[in-house]
Amino acid sequence: MAKTYTYDEVQQHKSNESCWVILYGNVYDVTAFLPDHPGGTKIILQLAGTDATEEYDPVHPPGTLEDSLPPEAKLGPIDPNTLPKSEKSPAESDQPPRNAKVDPAQEQAESSPD
């Protein structure tokens, strides 16, 4: 079973030597990927040690994590109870991620007035 990480643990990894981010409720070690990031290292380092999901999701198509990072870069889940209130994980949100598949029939039923 994967270790569950705390926000404080993730906060300790905000440098070129050790860079972790939280994405979709999971902790990723992106240190080795820094020099290969098409947008440069600076943007990742600005978000290092935090939940970067809100910034990441709108600009990366589905599958980017899986295509760009080796499986071992996914360290494990973040403990949502340790996140600051302004950084609640999308995994804990009522809203699906932007790239989540939604059943059109369910979406229609939810938007129809009763």
C-alpha atoms as a PDB file:
ATOM      1  CA  MET A   1       0.000   0.000   0.000  1.00  0.00           C
ATOM      2  CA  ALA A   2       1.312   3.448  -0.930  1.00  0.00           C
ATOM      3  CA  LYS A   3       2.301   5.816   1.819  1.00  0.00           C
ATOM      4  CA  THR A   4      -0.053   8.745   2.415  1.00  0.00           C
ATOM      5  CA  TYR A   5       1.790  12.069   2.482  1.00  0.00           C
ATOM      6  CA  THR A   6       1.074  15.197   4.481  1.00  0.00           C
ATOM      7  CA  TYR A   7       1.123  18.705   3.089  1.00  0.00           C
ATOM      8  CA  ASP A   8       4.042  19.531   5.405  1.00  0.00           C
ATOM      9  CA  GLU A   9       6.059  16.690   3.850  1.00  0.00           C
ATOM     10  CA  VAL A  10       5.371  17.968   0.342  1.00  0.00           C
ATOM     11  CA  GLN A  11       6.347  21.502   1.393  1.00  0.00           C
ATOM     12  CA  GLN A  12       9.889  20.249   2.112  1.00  0.00           C
ATOM     13  CA  HIS A  13      10.453  19.581  -1.616  1.00  0.00           C
ATOM     14  CA  LYS A  14      10.550  22.927  -3.421  1.00  0.00           C
ATOM     15  CA  SER A  15      13.934  23.008  -5.158  1.00  0.00           C
ATOM     16  CA  ASN A  16      15.794  21.842  -8.260  1.00  0.00           C
ATOM     17  CA  GLU A  17      17.274  19.080  -6.118  1.00  0.00           C
ATOM     18  CA  SER A  18      13.907  17.775  -4.875  1.00  0.00           C
ATOM     19  CA  CYS A  19      10.677  18.965  -6.459  1.00  0.00           C
ATOM     20  CA  TRP A  20       7.291  17.514  -5.494  1.00  0.00           C
ATOM     21  CA  VAL A  21       3.824  18.660  -6.535  1.00  0.00           C
ATOM     22  CA  ILE A  22       0.304  17.535  -5.722  1.00  0.00           C
ATOM     23  CA  LEU A  23      -1.909  16.742  -8.715  1.00  0.00           C
ATOM     24  CA  TYR A  24      -5.402  15.248  -8.522  1.00  0.00           C
ATOM     25  CA  GLY A  25      -4.935  14.197  -4.899  1.00  0.00           C
ATOM     26  CA  ASN A  26      -1.591  12.460  -5.445  1.00  0.00           C
ATOM     27  CA  VAL A  27       1.993  13.474  -4.698  1.00  0.00           C
ATOM     28  CA  TYR A  28       4.447  13.390  -7.607  1.00  0.00           C
ATOM     29  CA  ASP A  29       8.233  13.707  -7.553  1.00  0.00           C
ATOM     30  CA  VAL A  30       8.891  15.741 -10.700  1.00  0.00           C
ATOM     31  CA  THR A  31      12.577  16.455  -9.988  1.00  0.00           C
ATOM     32  CA  ALA A  32      13.912  14.369 -12.892  1.00  0.00           C
ATOM     33  CA  PHE A  33      11.339  15.900 -15.266  1.00  0.00           C
ATOM     34  CA  LEU A  34      12.283  19.536 -14.543  1.00  0.00           C
ATOM     35  CA  PRO A  35      14.836  19.925 -17.389  1.00  0.00           C
ATOM     36  CA  ASP A  36      12.442  18.254 -19.859  1.00  0.00           C
ATOM     37  CA  HIS A  37       9.339  20.358 -19.113  1.00  0.00           C
ATOM     38  CA  PRO A  38       8.396  22.188 -22.336  1.00  0.00           C
ATOM     39  CA  GLY A  39       7.366  25.276 -20.361  1.00  0.00           C
ATOM     40  CA  GLY A  40      10.667  25.404 -18.477  1.00  0.00           C
ATOM     41  CA  THR A  41      11.603  24.653 -14.890  1.00  0.00           C
ATOM     42  CA  LYS A  42      10.517  28.008 -13.470  1.00  0.00           C
ATOM     43  CA  ILE A  43       6.766  27.371 -13.674  1.00  0.00           C
ATOM     44  CA  ILE A  44       7.040  23.997 -11.947  1.00  0.00           C
ATOM     45  CA  LEU A  45       9.300  25.407  -9.240  1.00  0.00           C
ATOM     46  CA  GLN A  46       6.776  28.208  -8.603  1.00  0.00           C
ATOM     47  CA  LEU A  47       4.195  25.520  -7.788  1.00  0.00           C
ATOM     48  CA  ALA A  48       6.562  23.087  -6.065  1.00  0.00           C
ATOM     49  CA  GLY A  49       5.431  21.919  -2.648  1.00  0.00           C
ATOM     50  CA  THR A  50       1.786  22.817  -3.351  1.00  0.00           C
ATOM     51  CA  ASP A  51      -1.370  21.429  -4.940  1.00  0.00           C
ATOM     52  CA  ALA A  52      -0.793  22.474  -8.551  1.00  0.00           C
ATOM     53  CA  THR A  53      -3.954  20.856  -9.955  1.00  0.00           C
ATOM     54  CA  GLU A  54      -5.838  24.109 -10.683  1.00  0.00           C
ATOM     55  CA  GLU A  55      -2.900  25.509 -12.646  1.00  0.00           C
ATOM     56  CA  TYR A  56      -2.014  22.203 -14.322  1.00  0.00           C
ATOM     57  CA  ASP A  57      -5.427  21.002 -15.455  1.00  0.00           C
ATOM     58  CA  PRO A  58      -6.415  23.766 -17.932  1.00  0.00           C
ATOM     59  CA  VAL A  59      -3.162  23.579 -19.915  1.00  0.00           C
ATOM     60  CA  HIS A  60      -2.396  19.833 -20.020  1.00  0.00           C
ATOM     61  CA  PRO A  61      -4.500  17.345 -21.985  1.00  0.00           C
ATOM     62  CA  PRO A  62      -5.581  14.045 -20.419  1.00  0.00           C
ATOM     63  CA  GLY A  63      -2.776  11.503 -20.326  1.00  0.00           C
ATOM     64  CA  THR A  64       0.034  14.046 -19.966  1.00  0.00           C
ATOM     65  CA  LEU A  65       1.080  12.787 -16.529  1.00  0.00           C
ATOM     66  CA  GLU A  66       1.161   9.182 -17.678  1.00  0.00           C
ATOM     67  CA  ASP A  67       3.039  10.078 -20.883  1.00  0.00           C
ATOM     68  CA  SER A  68       5.586  12.388 -19.235  1.00  0.00           C
ATOM     69  CA  LEU A  69       6.414  10.748 -15.915  1.00  0.00           C
ATOM     70  CA  PRO A  70       7.547   7.236 -15.045  1.00  0.00           C
ATOM     71  CA  PRO A  71       5.167   5.299 -12.758  1.00  0.00           C
ATOM     72  CA  GLU A  72       7.565   5.625  -9.810  1.00  0.00           C
ATOM     73  CA  ALA A  73       7.186   9.443  -9.912  1.00  0.00           C
ATOM     74  CA  LYS A  74       3.714   8.973  -8.409  1.00  0.00           C
ATOM     75  CA  LEU A  75       4.660   8.700  -4.737  1.00  0.00           C
ATOM     76  CA  GLY A  76       1.203   8.257  -3.229  1.00  0.00           C
ATOM     77  CA  PRO A  77      -1.926  10.079  -2.092  1.00  0.00           C
ATOM     78  CA  ILE A  78      -1.979  13.333  -0.151  1.00  0.00           C
ATOM     79  CA  ASP A  79      -3.813  13.350   3.167  1.00  0.00           C
ATOM     80  CA  PRO A  80      -6.597  15.836   2.329  1.00  0.00           C
ATOM     81  CA  ASN A  81      -6.984  16.727   6.009  1.00  0.00           C
ATOM     82  CA  THR A  82      -3.494  18.268   5.963  1.00  0.00           C
ATOM     83  CA  LEU A  83      -4.128  20.588   2.997  1.00  0.00           C
ATOM     84  CA  PRO A  84      -4.667  24.286   3.708  1.00  0.00           C
ATOM     85  CA  LYS A  85      -8.311  25.270   3.240  1.00  0.00           C
ATOM     86  CA  SER A  86      -7.467  27.119   0.011  1.00  0.00           C
ATOM     87  CA  GLU A  87      -5.773  24.007  -1.410  1.00  0.00           C
ATOM     88  CA  LYS A  88      -8.398  21.301  -0.950  1.00  0.00           C
ATOM     89  CA  SER A  89      -7.601  18.526  -3.373  1.00  0.00           C
ATOM     90  CA  PRO A  90      -9.895  18.058  -6.401  1.00  0.00           C
ATOM     91  CA  ALA A  91     -10.184  14.462  -5.240  1.00  0.00           C
ATOM     92  CA  GLU A  92     -12.118  15.863  -2.278  1.00  0.00           C
ATOM     93  CA  SER A  93     -14.207  18.233  -4.384  1.00  0.00           C
ATOM     94  CA  ASP A  94     -17.785  17.654  -5.527  1.00  0.00           C
ATOM     95  CA  GLN A  95     -16.776  18.738  -9.036  1.00  0.00           C
ATOM     96  CA  PRO A  96     -15.053  16.269 -11.396  1.00  0.00           C
ATOM     97  CA  PRO A  97     -11.738  17.348 -12.955  1.00  0.00           C
ATOM     98  CA  ARG A  98     -12.107  19.202 -16.248  1.00  0.00           C
ATOM     99  CA  ASN A  99     -10.973  16.162 -18.194  1.00  0.00           C
ATOM    100  CA  ALA A 100     -13.190  13.658 -16.359  1.00  0.00           C
ATOM    101  CA  LYS A 101     -15.632  11.671 -18.446  1.00  0.00           C
ATOM    102  CA  VAL A 102     -19.208  12.566 -17.537  1.00  0.00           C
ATOM    103  CA  ASP A 103     -22.212  10.447 -18.423  1.00  0.00           C
ATOM    104  CA  PRO A 104     -24.338  12.731 -20.679  1.00  0.00           C
ATOM    105  CA  ALA A 105     -27.582  11.210 -19.326  1.00  0.00           C
ATOM    106  CA  GLN A 106     -26.507  11.964 -15.756  1.00  0.00           C
ATOM    107  CA  GLU A 107     -25.443  15.493 -16.725  1.00  0.00           C
ATOM    108  CA  GLN A 108     -28.844  16.068 -18.403  1.00  0.00           C
ATOM    109  CA  ALA A 109     -30.706  14.780 -15.329  1.00  0.00           C
ATOM    110  CA  GLU A 110     -28.683  17.000 -12.990  1.00  0.00           C
ATOM    111  CA  SER A 111     -29.312  20.121 -15.068  1.00  0.00           C
ATOM    112  CA  SER A 112     -33.037  19.509 -15.613  1.00  0.00           C
ATOM    113  CA  PRO A 113     -35.403  21.314 -13.238  1.00  0.00           C
ATOM    114  CA  ASP A 114     -37.540  19.026 -11.072  1.00  0.00           C
END
